[in-house]
């Protein structure tokens, strides 16, 4: 048979008032979360990406098997995220 286990009681701490808790929480949230900088994405059409990817394919001598690489490279370049 299972034995009953007594739970240890913890000492109760004094509660803060709702007004103090809310004010502290808001101030802490503002300090903890820095403002995010918004970055505007350029509008790039799939046609533009395809044209540039096709150019990369032609520059490589029409070698097959790298179409995804070409597409992603063209996308990065057009969006200004070239690495």
N, C-alpha and C. Protein backbone atom coordinates (compact mmCIF):
# COMPACT_ATOMS: atom_id res chain seq x y z
N UNK A 1 0.84 -1.19 0.00
CA UNK A 1 0.00 0.00 0.00
C UNK A 1 0.88 1.24 0.00
N UNK A 2 0.35 2.23 -0.62
CA UNK A 2 1.12 3.46 -0.73
C UNK A 2 1.03 4.27 0.55
N UNK A 3 2.14 4.84 0.94
CA UNK A 3 2.17 5.66 2.14
C UNK A 3 1.85 7.10 1.77
N UNK A 4 1.19 7.78 2.65
CA UNK A 4 0.88 9.18 2.40
C UNK A 4 2.09 10.03 2.74
N UNK A 5 2.37 10.99 1.86
CA UNK A 5 3.51 11.87 2.06
C UNK A 5 2.99 13.23 2.46
N UNK A 6 3.54 13.76 3.55
CA UNK A 6 3.13 15.09 3.99
C UNK A 6 3.87 16.14 3.17
N UNK A 7 3.13 17.14 2.75
CA UNK A 7 3.73 18.23 1.99
C UNK A 7 4.27 19.26 2.97
N UNK A 8 5.44 19.78 2.65
CA UNK A 8 6.02 20.80 3.51
C UNK A 8 5.29 22.11 3.27
N UNK A 9 4.95 22.79 4.34
CA UNK A 9 4.26 24.06 4.17
C UNK A 9 5.31 25.16 3.99
N UNK A 10 4.99 26.08 3.12
CA UNK A 10 5.92 27.18 2.87
C UNK A 10 5.41 28.42 3.59
N UNK A 11 6.34 29.25 3.99
CA UNK A 11 5.97 30.49 4.67
C UNK A 11 5.36 31.43 3.65
N UNK A 12 4.27 32.05 4.01
CA UNK A 12 3.61 32.97 3.09
C UNK A 12 4.32 34.31 3.11
N UNK A 13 4.50 34.86 1.91
CA UNK A 13 5.14 36.15 1.81
C UNK A 13 4.06 37.22 1.68
N UNK A 14 4.34 38.41 2.14
CA UNK A 14 3.33 39.47 2.04
C UNK A 14 3.07 39.80 0.56
N UNK A 15 1.82 40.04 0.25
CA UNK A 15 1.45 40.35 -1.13
C UNK A 15 1.61 41.84 -1.39
N UNK A 16 1.98 42.13 -2.63
CA UNK A 16 2.05 43.53 -3.05
C UNK A 16 0.66 43.96 -3.49
N UNK A 17 0.41 45.23 -3.41
CA UNK A 17 -0.89 45.71 -3.86
C UNK A 17 -0.95 45.67 -5.37
N UNK A 18 -2.13 45.64 -5.91
CA UNK A 18 -2.30 45.53 -7.35
C UNK A 18 -1.69 46.72 -8.07
N UNK A 19 -1.80 47.90 -7.53
CA UNK A 19 -1.25 49.10 -8.17
C UNK A 19 0.26 49.05 -8.29
N UNK A 20 0.92 48.60 -7.25
CA UNK A 20 2.38 48.50 -7.25
C UNK A 20 2.82 47.42 -8.22
N UNK A 21 2.11 46.31 -8.22
CA UNK A 21 2.47 45.18 -9.07
C UNK A 21 2.34 45.57 -10.55
N UNK A 22 1.26 46.25 -10.90
CA UNK A 22 1.03 46.63 -12.29
C UNK A 22 2.07 47.65 -12.75
N UNK A 23 2.35 48.63 -11.91
CA UNK A 23 3.32 49.66 -12.28
C UNK A 23 4.70 49.06 -12.44
N UNK A 24 5.08 48.16 -11.56
CA UNK A 24 6.39 47.53 -11.63
C UNK A 24 6.49 46.65 -12.87
N UNK A 25 5.44 45.93 -13.17
CA UNK A 25 5.43 45.04 -14.33
C UNK A 25 5.56 45.81 -15.63
N UNK A 26 4.86 46.92 -15.76
CA UNK A 26 4.93 47.73 -16.98
C UNK A 26 6.32 48.32 -17.15
N UNK A 27 6.90 48.83 -16.08
CA UNK A 27 8.22 49.43 -16.16
C UNK A 27 9.27 48.39 -16.51
N UNK A 28 9.14 47.21 -15.93
CA UNK A 28 10.09 46.15 -16.21
C UNK A 28 9.96 45.68 -17.65
N UNK A 29 8.75 45.63 -18.15
CA UNK A 29 8.53 45.19 -19.54
C UNK A 29 9.15 46.18 -20.51
N UNK A 30 9.03 47.46 -20.22
CA UNK A 30 9.61 48.47 -21.11
C UNK A 30 11.13 48.41 -21.11
N UNK A 31 11.72 48.17 -19.93
CA UNK A 31 13.18 48.09 -19.84
C UNK A 31 13.71 46.81 -20.47
N UNK A 32 13.00 45.71 -20.29
CA UNK A 32 13.48 44.41 -20.75
C UNK A 32 13.38 44.25 -22.26
N UNK A 33 12.36 44.80 -22.87
CA UNK A 33 12.15 44.61 -24.30
C UNK A 33 12.59 45.86 -25.07
N UNK A 34 13.77 45.80 -25.71
CA UNK A 34 14.20 46.94 -26.50
C UNK A 34 13.33 47.07 -27.74
N UNK A 35 13.25 48.26 -28.25
CA UNK A 35 12.43 48.49 -29.44
C UNK A 35 13.06 47.81 -30.64
N UNK A 36 12.21 47.20 -31.42
CA UNK A 36 12.68 46.52 -32.62
C UNK A 36 12.69 47.51 -33.77
N UNK A 37 13.75 47.44 -34.55
CA UNK A 37 13.84 48.28 -35.73
C UNK A 37 13.08 47.58 -36.85
N UNK A 38 12.23 48.33 -37.50
CA UNK A 38 11.49 47.74 -38.61
C UNK A 38 12.28 47.93 -39.89
N UNK A 39 12.33 46.89 -40.66
CA UNK A 39 13.05 46.92 -41.93
C UNK A 39 12.03 46.78 -43.03
N UNK A 40 12.02 47.72 -43.92
CA UNK A 40 11.08 47.66 -45.03
C UNK A 40 11.63 46.73 -46.11
N UNK A 41 10.83 45.77 -46.49
CA UNK A 41 11.25 44.82 -47.51
C UNK A 41 11.01 45.43 -48.88
N UNK A 42 11.96 45.24 -49.77
CA UNK A 42 11.79 45.72 -51.12
C UNK A 42 10.81 44.81 -51.84
N UNK A 43 10.03 45.39 -52.72
CA UNK A 43 9.09 44.60 -53.50
C UNK A 43 9.84 44.05 -54.72
N UNK A 44 10.06 42.76 -54.73
CA UNK A 44 10.77 42.11 -55.81
C UNK A 44 9.84 41.03 -56.38
N UNK A 45 9.63 41.08 -57.68
CA UNK A 45 8.74 40.10 -58.29
C UNK A 45 9.49 38.81 -58.59
N UNK A 46 8.73 37.75 -58.74
CA UNK A 46 9.33 36.46 -59.08
C UNK A 46 9.95 36.53 -60.47
N UNK A 47 9.38 37.36 -61.32
CA UNK A 47 9.93 37.51 -62.67
C UNK A 47 11.34 38.11 -62.63
N UNK A 48 11.55 39.10 -61.77
CA UNK A 48 12.87 39.71 -61.63
C UNK A 48 13.88 38.69 -61.11
N UNK A 49 13.45 37.91 -60.13
CA UNK A 49 14.34 36.88 -59.57
C UNK A 49 14.68 35.85 -60.64
N UNK A 50 13.67 35.44 -61.40
CA UNK A 50 13.88 34.44 -62.45
C UNK A 50 14.84 34.94 -63.52
N UNK A 51 14.72 36.20 -63.90
CA UNK A 51 15.62 36.77 -64.92
C UNK A 51 17.07 36.75 -64.43
N UNK A 52 17.28 37.16 -63.19
CA UNK A 52 18.64 37.19 -62.66
C UNK A 52 19.19 35.77 -62.48
N UNK A 53 18.35 34.85 -62.00
CA UNK A 53 18.77 33.46 -61.85
C UNK A 53 19.12 32.86 -63.22
N UNK A 54 18.37 33.22 -64.23
CA UNK A 54 18.66 32.75 -65.59
C UNK A 54 20.00 33.28 -66.06
N UNK A 55 20.30 34.53 -65.72
CA UNK A 55 21.59 35.11 -66.10
C UNK A 55 22.74 34.35 -65.42
N UNK A 56 22.55 34.01 -64.13
CA UNK A 56 23.58 33.24 -63.43
C UNK A 56 23.79 31.88 -64.10
N UNK A 57 22.70 31.26 -64.51
CA UNK A 57 22.77 29.97 -65.19
C UNK A 57 23.54 30.09 -66.50
N UNK A 58 23.27 31.16 -67.25
CA UNK A 58 23.96 31.38 -68.52
C UNK A 58 25.44 31.66 -68.29
N UNK A 59 25.77 32.43 -67.27
CA UNK A 59 27.17 32.75 -66.96
C UNK A 59 27.95 31.49 -66.57
N UNK A 60 27.27 30.52 -66.02
CA UNK A 60 27.92 29.28 -65.63
C UNK A 60 28.02 28.31 -66.81
N UNK A 61 27.60 28.73 -67.98
CA UNK A 61 27.71 27.89 -69.17
C UNK A 61 26.55 26.93 -69.32
N UNK A 62 25.36 27.35 -68.86
CA UNK A 62 24.13 26.55 -68.98
C UNK A 62 24.26 25.19 -68.30
N UNK A 63 25.02 25.13 -67.23
CA UNK A 63 25.23 23.90 -66.48
C UNK A 63 24.01 23.65 -65.59
N UNK A 64 23.43 22.48 -65.70
CA UNK A 64 22.23 22.14 -64.94
C UNK A 64 22.59 21.65 -63.54
N UNK A 65 21.58 21.64 -62.67
CA UNK A 65 21.74 21.09 -61.33
C UNK A 65 21.97 22.11 -60.24
N UNK A 66 21.94 23.40 -60.57
CA UNK A 66 22.18 24.44 -59.56
C UNK A 66 21.08 25.49 -59.57
N UNK A 67 19.89 25.12 -60.01
CA UNK A 67 18.83 26.11 -60.16
C UNK A 67 18.39 26.71 -58.82
N UNK A 68 18.36 25.92 -57.77
CA UNK A 68 17.97 26.46 -56.46
C UNK A 68 19.01 27.44 -55.94
N UNK A 69 20.27 27.11 -56.14
CA UNK A 69 21.37 28.00 -55.75
C UNK A 69 21.25 29.34 -56.48
N UNK A 70 21.00 29.26 -57.80
CA UNK A 70 20.87 30.47 -58.60
C UNK A 70 19.69 31.32 -58.14
N UNK A 71 18.58 30.66 -57.87
CA UNK A 71 17.38 31.37 -57.44
C UNK A 71 17.62 32.08 -56.11
N UNK A 72 18.17 31.38 -55.16
CA UNK A 72 18.41 31.98 -53.84
C UNK A 72 19.44 33.10 -53.91
N UNK A 73 20.45 32.92 -54.72
CA UNK A 73 21.47 33.97 -54.90
C UNK A 73 20.84 35.22 -55.51
N UNK A 74 19.99 35.03 -56.52
CA UNK A 74 19.32 36.16 -57.16
C UNK A 74 18.39 36.86 -56.17
N UNK A 75 17.67 36.07 -55.40
CA UNK A 75 16.76 36.62 -54.40
C UNK A 75 17.51 37.45 -53.37
N UNK A 76 18.63 36.92 -52.85
CA UNK A 76 19.44 37.66 -51.87
C UNK A 76 19.95 38.96 -52.47
N UNK A 77 20.44 38.89 -53.68
CA UNK A 77 21.02 40.09 -54.30
C UNK A 77 19.96 41.16 -54.52
N UNK A 78 18.80 40.75 -55.01
CA UNK A 78 17.74 41.73 -55.28
C UNK A 78 17.15 42.32 -54.01
N UNK A 79 17.16 41.57 -52.96
CA UNK A 79 16.63 42.07 -51.68
C UNK A 79 17.68 42.83 -50.89
N UNK A 80 18.91 42.87 -51.39
CA UNK A 80 19.97 43.60 -50.71
C UNK A 80 20.56 42.89 -49.54
N UNK A 81 20.46 41.56 -49.51
CA UNK A 81 20.99 40.78 -48.40
C UNK A 81 22.16 39.93 -48.83
N UNK A 82 22.90 40.35 -49.82
CA UNK A 82 24.03 39.57 -50.30
C UNK A 82 25.04 39.37 -49.18
N UNK A 83 25.49 38.15 -49.04
CA UNK A 83 26.45 37.88 -47.96
C UNK A 83 27.79 37.46 -48.50
